[in-house]
């Protein structure tokens, strides 16, 4: 094999490795652009809704279990109330995990349990919508080779950030599969 072929193969391998490494950044940027444009259909292509709903249900049920295990919450009425709340969680999460709610989360808003998301503005995005990128603190990085985490919150907020966990979907693809909510 001649030197030019070896250089070409090496360059192709480096380009493929760089593409694989930076692919979640591209997916997050594309998802954010869809959120800012209020394009729920395009945004939905980056989301595994069943997986996101299951992670959300798990977080809420864990919070309910922790509340019922606290000292002073051991009475029968509190335990029955938590059992009933667990039954309601599934329907509530199904209603909350929508493209519109996820648009708000990507823009740094915290979800509020029991309150439906206000519908986003329709039509072309306004200059205020395009400026949302300047109003969000975000950090991102690999958790491991198969998971990439984006932490978002409103700029200047002291609230804990919302974690958006992306999982690898093929070699270069990424989908939102889990939420880490500060609840």
Foldseek 3Di string as FASTA:
>chain_A
DDPVVVVVVVVVVVVLVVLLFCLVVVLLVQLLVCLLFVPQVSNVVQAPQVLALVQQLVVVLVVLVVVCPDPPNVDPVSVVVSVVVNVCSSVQSVQAPGSQNVSVLSLADADDGPDHDDGDDDDGHDPVSVCSVVQKDWDKDDPDSFKIWIWIHGPPDPQGTKIFIWGDDPSRGIHGRYIDHPD
